[in-house]
Structure formats: structure tokens, C-alpha cells
Amino acid sequence: MPGVLNTSQILMAGRQGHASHPAIHVPTTSRLVPRRMTRPSFRARVSSATPSTEPKPDPFATKEVYSDSDPISKFSIWYFSKVMSENLGNKPFDGTYESFVELSREIMRGRTTKQQQETVASVLGNLLPPQSPQRFRQWFPLSRRTAEFNAWITTLGFTWLVGPSELTEVEIEFEGRKQVWKSGVKIKKCRYLENSGCTGMCINMCKVPTQKFFTDTFGLPLTMNPDFETLECEMIFGQAPPPIEQDEVYNQPCLSVCNIAKLSDTVGGGNSSPPACPKTDTDRTAAMAKRSASKTGASV
């Protein structure tokens, strides 16, 4: 959930739930790194169905080590965990990052994709003081300065959550013309994705709810594009995200460390194209299972 805390949190203390806000109309945008492109390349890098001739480095081979000893990291992990625990009926946690990730798994258990995203939205809302969305929209209307400031805050305040990151230049279409803003954030190796090891958790516990939270609640468009081959992720403040069904991550397979992926390799012999992670969209998974059962019954 990178970038979920923003300028409004720095200006106000306390926390309570906030009123929901309807989605706003935001300008369509495109992405640039820093050379000219016809269409955004800040896209999720989905694993290719065709095996590469050269083996790609395993991003899980070496796990990054974080101390979490500084006061900001300690407090942030504890505070996020506390709010998540309250949304789960006061589930116990010990204040470590591993416990924080386990609370995320608890949110996924027994919930549909939509319910998972709604629970995360509730957590994000409860992290903030009352009236935060209204005040943010009033004080920080969509502009280059607002987008760049939120990107800067993200690189400073969320290393504990996603690991080291840096600012990047992106091309944003704003007020009828393309502009280059320094409102991109490149996460070098996402700590949350590395520790969860789950495509579905990345998409439904982080990417989708965070995009909706900024875009719909605060009126600041945000697109997040994880790279599942390297565990990098790029955030683009000022760019509206596509519908999830049109996003490449929608068909992203399970990660190599996932038990579901290992089972698929065993059953399919490792030769078939990997299916999309079943946790990405539980409704789609249920529909596929229903169709499969129907075909089996018909053949019998």
C-alpha cells in the first residue's frame, strides 16, 4: 500500500474513518521514461507464456534485509498493523513486518476479490483523520505540484513498506497537452511483494485499492505498475489507471514461490502456459470452476 499516507496526514493528527467520495473525471494520460513514446510503457511486465532461451534471474533468490530499527519504521509498521487488526476483529500482531504481511493474508482468507479491496479501502480510510479527503481536495487540487509533492513524500516515508525508491520523470497529459512531470516513483524491489510472494496480494491488497483511494477519494490520479519478473514497481501520480480487466496484471500468473504455481507445474508438466493467478479475481476463478464442472458432468 505504498503512498497511502499523503500530505493531509502530515498536516493533521488523529485518525477516524472518512466519508466516501464519488469517482471524479480525470484526464487521460500517458507515460514516458524519459525518451519519447507513443503510448505509456509504465505497464506491468507480465510473464511471457513462451519460455525464454536464457534463464532470467530469480528475484526471490536473495532476500533483502531491513532492520526496521528507526522510530518512523517501527511506528509505521505498528500503526498500520493496529488499524488492520481492528478491521479483522482485533487479530493479534507483534509489530514486526512479517506480522503485518500475515494480517494482509488474513484479509484475503475467506473473502472475494471485491471484499478484499473493500476491506483495504476501509483500512486506508481509518488511517486518516476525519475530513482528510475534503481538505486534501480543497488544499491540493490536481496539478503538477501536487503530483510531484506526493511522489516525493512517497520516496521519503514508505521505505519501510516497499523498500528503497527514487523519483522519475513521466509524461502526463494535463489540460489538453502533454507535460513532463517528476511525479513517477520507481520502487527498486518491492518489499511487500517479496515478502508476500503472491500475485493476488499485490493486486488486491495494494495496487487496486491504492489506485482507487488516491484517484477516487483524493482526486489525485495514480497508476501503479508492478514488474513481476524483477519485483520492481512504478507509481505514476497524475495518471489515471485503466480498468483492472484491461490491465495486463489481470492475467498475471502466480509467482514462482507460490504453492499454486508449483502445483500447476506438477500437474501440467511445466509445458503448458501458466494460467492467471486464481486470487487475482475470485469471481473469474469461480466461473471457470463452474464451467469446468459443467463440462465434466456433460461428458459423464
Protein backbone atom coordinates (compact mmCIF):
# COMPACT_ATOMS: atom_id res chain seq x y z
CA MET A 1 0.00 0.00 0.00
CA PRO A 2 2.69 2.44 -0.88
CA GLY A 3 1.90 6.10 -0.85
CA VAL A 4 -1.32 5.65 1.09
CA LEU A 5 -0.35 8.34 3.57
CA ASN A 6 -0.02 11.74 1.96
CA THR A 7 0.20 15.42 2.56
CA SER A 8 -3.04 15.58 4.52
CA GLN A 9 -1.68 13.18 7.12
CA ILE A 10 1.34 15.34 7.75
CA LEU A 11 -0.90 18.35 8.33
CA MET A 12 -3.40 16.67 10.68
CA ALA A 13 -3.26 14.34 13.68
CA GLY A 14 -5.56 11.58 14.87
CA ARG A 15 -7.48 9.05 12.84
CA GLN A 16 -11.04 8.12 12.10
CA GLY A 17 -12.98 6.85 9.12
CA HIS A 18 -13.77 9.19 6.29
CA ALA A 19 -16.74 9.71 4.09
CA SER A 20 -16.59 8.07 0.72
CA HIS A 21 -16.48 10.20 -2.39
CA PRO A 22 -17.65 9.50 -5.89
CA ALA A 23 -15.07 9.00 -8.58
CA ILE A 24 -14.07 12.13 -10.37
CA HIS A 25 -13.37 12.65 -14.01
CA VAL A 26 -9.63 12.75 -14.56
CA PRO A 27 -7.63 13.44 -17.68
CA THR A 28 -6.31 10.58 -19.71
CA THR A 29 -2.57 10.34 -19.54
CA SER A 30 0.39 8.56 -20.96
CA ARG A 31 3.82 7.63 -19.68
CA LEU A 32 7.37 8.46 -20.67
CA VAL A 33 10.72 7.27 -19.48
CA PRO A 34 12.41 9.90 -20.30
CA ARG A 35 12.54 9.33 -24.05
CA ARG A 36 9.57 9.90 -26.38
CA MET A 37 6.99 7.15 -26.67
CA THR A 38 3.64 6.88 -28.38
CA ARG A 39 1.90 5.05 -25.53
CA PRO A 40 2.79 4.59 -21.86
CA SER A 41 5.37 1.98 -21.11
CA PHE A 42 4.77 2.08 -17.35
CA ARG A 43 2.92 -1.20 -17.65
CA ALA A 44 3.02 -4.32 -15.59
CA ARG A 45 5.56 -6.67 -17.07
CA VAL A 46 3.61 -9.89 -17.33
CA SER A 47 5.45 -13.17 -17.56
CA SER A 48 5.58 -14.39 -21.13
CA ALA A 49 3.85 -17.65 -21.97
CA THR A 50 6.78 -18.55 -24.27
CA PRO A 51 9.86 -19.65 -22.31
CA SER A 52 12.94 -17.52 -22.82
CA THR A 53 16.06 -19.16 -24.19
CA GLU A 54 18.08 -17.67 -21.35
CA PRO A 55 17.09 -18.19 -17.71
CA LYS A 56 16.06 -14.97 -16.02
CA PRO A 57 17.43 -14.03 -12.61
CA ASP A 58 15.24 -15.20 -9.76
CA PRO A 59 14.23 -12.11 -7.75
CA PHE A 60 13.50 -14.36 -4.77
CA ALA A 61 16.97 -15.94 -4.75
CA THR A 62 18.31 -13.30 -2.38
CA LYS A 63 16.01 -11.71 0.16
CA GLU A 64 16.60 -8.10 1.09
CA VAL A 65 17.25 -7.44 4.77
CA TYR A 66 15.67 -4.49 6.61
CA SER A 67 16.39 -3.51 10.20
CA ASP A 68 13.20 -1.50 10.91
CA SER A 69 15.07 -0.08 13.89
CA ASP A 70 14.38 3.60 13.24
CA PRO A 71 11.40 5.20 15.02
CA ILE A 72 9.50 6.00 11.80
CA SER A 73 9.61 2.40 10.57
CA LYS A 74 8.69 0.99 13.96
CA PHE A 75 5.74 3.31 14.40
CA SER A 76 4.50 2.93 10.82
CA ILE A 77 4.51 -0.87 10.94
CA TRP A 78 2.79 -0.85 14.33
CA TYR A 79 0.18 1.74 13.31
CA PHE A 80 -0.71 0.08 10.01
CA SER A 81 -0.89 -3.30 11.76
CA LYS A 82 -3.08 -1.90 14.53
CA VAL A 83 -5.65 -0.50 12.09
CA MET A 84 -5.64 -3.73 10.06
CA SER A 85 -6.07 -5.75 13.24
CA GLU A 86 -9.07 -3.67 14.27
CA ASN A 87 -10.69 -4.30 10.89
CA LEU A 88 -10.18 -8.03 11.49
CA GLY A 89 -11.78 -8.10 14.93
CA ASN A 90 -8.56 -7.33 16.82
CA LYS A 91 -6.40 -10.08 15.41
CA PRO A 92 -3.14 -10.34 17.38
CA PHE A 93 0.08 -8.95 15.92
CA ASP A 94 3.59 -8.41 17.26
CA GLY A 95 4.58 -5.21 15.47
CA THR A 96 7.01 -6.84 13.03
CA TYR A 97 6.84 -6.53 9.26
CA GLU A 98 6.21 -10.28 8.99
CA SER A 99 3.19 -9.88 11.26
CA PHE A 100 1.97 -7.02 9.08
CA VAL A 101 2.12 -9.25 5.99
CA GLU A 102 0.32 -12.03 7.85
CA LEU A 103 -2.52 -9.63 8.67
CA SER A 104 -2.74 -8.98 4.93
CA ARG A 105 -3.15 -12.70 4.35
CA GLU A 106 -5.91 -12.77 6.95
CA ILE A 107 -7.79 -10.12 4.98
CA MET A 108 -7.63 -12.36 1.90
CA ARG A 109 -8.83 -15.52 3.62
CA GLY A 110 -12.49 -16.27 3.02
CA ARG A 111 -13.15 -13.03 1.13
CA THR A 112 -13.91 -12.38 -2.51
CA THR A 113 -11.71 -10.06 -4.52
CA LYS A 114 -14.22 -7.24 -4.09
CA GLN A 115 -14.45 -7.82 -0.33
CA GLN A 116 -10.66 -7.78 -0.02
CA GLN A 117 -10.43 -4.46 -1.81
CA GLU A 118 -13.26 -3.00 0.27
CA THR A 119 -11.53 -4.09 3.49
CA VAL A 120 -8.27 -2.46 2.42
CA ALA A 121 -10.19 0.70 1.48
CA SER A 122 -11.64 0.73 5.00
CA VAL A 123 -8.16 0.32 6.48
CA LEU A 124 -6.80 3.19 4.40
CA GLY A 125 -9.69 5.40 5.43
CA ASN A 126 -9.19 4.61 9.10
CA LEU A 127 -5.53 5.58 8.88
CA LEU A 128 -6.50 9.20 8.28
CA PRO A 129 -8.01 11.98 10.39
CA PRO A 130 -11.64 12.93 9.70
CA GLN A 131 -12.38 15.23 6.77
CA SER A 132 -8.98 14.46 5.22
CA PRO A 133 -10.27 13.80 1.68
CA GLN A 134 -12.33 17.01 1.60
CA ARG A 135 -9.44 19.10 2.85
CA PHE A 136 -6.95 17.46 0.52
CA ARG A 137 -9.15 18.19 -2.49
CA GLN A 138 -9.57 21.78 -1.32
CA TRP A 139 -5.94 22.48 -0.48
CA PHE A 140 -4.27 20.34 -3.15
CA PRO A 141 -6.26 20.32 -6.40
CA LEU A 142 -4.82 18.26 -9.23
CA SER A 143 -1.70 19.97 -10.51
CA ARG A 144 1.90 19.25 -11.32
CA ARG A 145 2.98 20.49 -7.90
CA THR A 146 0.51 18.23 -6.06
CA ALA A 147 1.52 15.15 -8.05
CA GLU A 148 5.23 15.79 -7.63
CA PHE A 149 4.90 16.52 -3.91
CA ASN A 150 3.04 13.25 -3.26
CA ALA A 151 5.65 11.34 -5.24
CA TRP A 152 8.40 12.96 -3.16
CA ILE A 153 6.62 12.12 0.11
CA THR A 154 6.30 8.51 -1.04
CA THR A 155 10.06 8.14 -1.58
CA LEU A 156 10.76 9.59 1.87
CA GLY A 157 8.11 7.95 4.03
CA PHE A 158 7.48 4.46 2.70
CA THR A 159 10.82 2.68 2.54
CA TRP A 160 9.61 0.58 5.48
CA LEU A 161 6.68 -0.66 3.36
CA VAL A 162 8.07 -1.13 -0.15
CA GLY A 163 11.83 -0.70 0.14
CA PRO A 164 14.06 1.97 -1.45
CA SER A 165 12.60 4.06 -4.26
CA GLU A 166 13.52 7.06 -6.38
CA LEU A 167 11.78 9.83 -8.30
CA THR A 168 11.46 9.56 -12.08
CA GLU A 169 10.18 11.80 -14.85
CA VAL A 170 6.94 10.80 -16.55
CA GLU A 171 4.85 12.22 -19.37
CA ILE A 172 1.39 13.33 -18.24
CA GLU A 173 -1.41 14.63 -20.42
CA PHE A 174 -2.87 17.53 -18.47
CA GLU A 175 -5.08 20.42 -19.53
CA GLY A 176 -5.04 19.27 -23.13
CA ARG A 177 -1.31 18.91 -23.62
CA LYS A 178 1.50 16.54 -22.72
CA GLN A 179 3.81 17.64 -19.95
CA VAL A 180 6.85 16.11 -18.28
CA TRP A 181 6.42 15.87 -14.52
CA LYS A 182 8.74 14.42 -11.92
CA SER A 183 5.83 12.57 -10.37
CA GLY A 184 6.94 9.00 -11.00
CA VAL A 185 8.26 6.73 -8.27
CA LYS A 186 10.37 3.70 -9.09
CA ILE A 187 10.36 1.09 -6.34
CA LYS A 188 13.58 -0.84 -6.85
CA LYS A 189 12.42 -4.14 -5.29
CA CYS A 190 9.06 -4.13 -3.59
CA ARG A 191 9.39 -5.40 -0.05
CA TYR A 192 5.69 -6.18 0.23
CA LEU A 193 5.65 -8.27 -2.96
CA GLU A 194 8.88 -10.03 -1.99
CA ASN A 195 7.54 -10.98 1.44
CA SER A 196 4.03 -11.92 0.35
CA GLY A 197 5.17 -13.85 -2.72
CA CYS A 198 1.65 -13.59 -4.07
CA THR A 199 0.34 -12.01 -7.26
CA GLY A 200 -3.17 -11.72 -5.84
CA MET A 201 -1.97 -9.95 -2.69
CA CYS A 202 -0.02 -7.44 -4.76
CA ILE A 203 -3.03 -6.64 -6.94
CA ASN A 204 -5.90 -6.72 -4.45
CA MET A 205 -4.17 -5.65 -1.24
CA CYS A 206 -2.00 -2.92 -2.74
CA LYS A 207 -2.29 -1.91 -6.39
CA VAL A 208 -6.05 -1.69 -6.97
CA PRO A 209 -7.19 -0.26 -3.61
CA THR A 210 -4.34 2.27 -3.50
CA GLN A 211 -5.10 3.44 -7.04
CA LYS A 212 -8.78 3.83 -6.19
CA PHE A 213 -8.00 5.56 -2.91
CA PHE A 214 -5.92 8.29 -4.50
CA THR A 215 -7.90 8.61 -7.73
CA ASP A 216 -11.45 8.49 -6.36
CA THR A 217 -11.10 9.67 -2.77
CA PHE A 218 -8.41 12.34 -3.04
CA GLY A 219 -8.87 13.32 -6.66
CA LEU A 220 -5.21 12.62 -7.47
CA PRO A 221 -4.95 10.04 -10.26
CA LEU A 222 -2.47 7.26 -9.55
CA THR A 223 -1.36 4.29 -11.62
CA MET A 224 0.78 1.50 -10.16
CA ASN A 225 2.59 -0.93 -12.43
CA PRO A 226 4.37 -3.84 -10.75
CA ASP A 227 7.01 -5.81 -12.62
CA PHE A 228 6.59 -9.40 -11.51
CA GLU A 229 9.85 -10.50 -13.13
CA THR A 230 12.05 -8.14 -11.13
CA LEU A 231 9.72 -7.15 -8.23
CA GLU A 232 10.15 -3.51 -9.25
CA CYS A 233 7.11 -1.26 -9.28
CA GLU A 234 6.48 2.15 -10.79
CA MET A 235 3.93 4.60 -9.46
CA ILE A 236 2.70 7.47 -11.60
CA PHE A 237 0.98 10.30 -9.75
CA GLY A 238 -1.18 12.24 -12.19
CA GLN A 239 -2.04 9.30 -14.46
CA ALA A 240 -5.45 7.63 -14.26
CA PRO A 241 -5.36 3.82 -14.03
CA PRO A 242 -7.10 1.61 -16.59
CA PRO A 243 -9.99 -0.66 -15.54
CA ILE A 244 -8.48 -3.77 -13.96
CA GLU A 245 -9.96 -6.01 -16.67
CA GLN A 246 -7.96 -4.03 -19.25
CA ASP A 247 -4.78 -4.08 -17.16
CA GLU A 248 -2.07 -6.59 -18.03
CA VAL A 249 -1.79 -7.65 -14.39
CA TYR A 250 -5.26 -9.18 -14.68
CA ASN A 251 -3.74 -12.18 -16.49
CA GLN A 252 -0.52 -12.37 -14.48
CA PRO A 253 0.34 -15.95 -13.41
CA CYS A 254 1.31 -16.94 -9.89
CA LEU A 255 4.87 -16.18 -8.82
CA SER A 256 7.48 -18.94 -8.79
CA VAL A 257 7.47 -19.18 -4.99
CA CYS A 258 3.70 -19.70 -4.85
CA ASN A 259 2.42 -23.17 -3.97
CA ILE A 260 -0.30 -22.83 -6.61
CA ALA A 261 2.34 -22.23 -9.28
CA LYS A 262 4.33 -25.26 -8.13
CA LEU A 263 1.19 -27.40 -8.24
CA SER A 264 0.40 -26.19 -11.76
CA ASP A 265 3.89 -27.19 -12.91
CA THR A 266 3.46 -30.63 -11.37
CA VAL A 267 0.07 -31.24 -12.96
CA GLY A 268 0.88 -29.72 -16.35
CA GLY A 269 4.44 -30.98 -16.56
CA GLY A 270 5.66 -27.40 -16.83
CA ASN A 271 4.89 -27.30 -20.56
CA SER A 272 1.53 -25.55 -20.65
CA SER A 273 1.10 -21.80 -20.49
CA PRO A 274 0.69 -20.74 -16.87
CA PRO A 275 -2.86 -19.68 -16.01
CA ALA A 276 -3.68 -16.37 -14.38
CA CYS A 277 -3.34 -16.32 -10.62
CA PRO A 278 -6.72 -17.51 -9.25
CA LYS A 279 -6.53 -14.95 -6.45
CA THR A 280 -6.46 -12.03 -8.87
CA ASP A 281 -10.20 -12.30 -9.48
CA THR A 282 -12.17 -14.77 -7.36
CA ASP A 283 -15.32 -14.26 -9.43
CA ARG A 284 -13.47 -15.26 -12.60
CA THR A 285 -11.97 -18.28 -10.83
CA ALA A 286 -15.37 -19.40 -9.56
CA ALA A 287 -16.90 -19.01 -13.02
CA MET A 288 -14.11 -21.08 -14.58
CA ALA A 289 -14.57 -23.80 -11.97
CA LYS A 290 -18.31 -23.83 -12.64
CA ARG A 291 -17.78 -24.18 -16.39
CA SER A 292 -15.26 -26.96 -15.83
CA ALA A 293 -17.67 -28.84 -13.57
CA SER A 294 -20.43 -28.41 -16.13
CA LYS A 295 -18.27 -29.85 -18.91
CA THR A 296 -17.25 -32.77 -16.71
CA GLY A 297 -20.88 -33.52 -15.88
CA ALA A 298 -21.88 -33.33 -19.53
CA SER A 299 -19.15 -35.76 -20.57
CA VAL A 300 -20.28 -38.25 -17.94
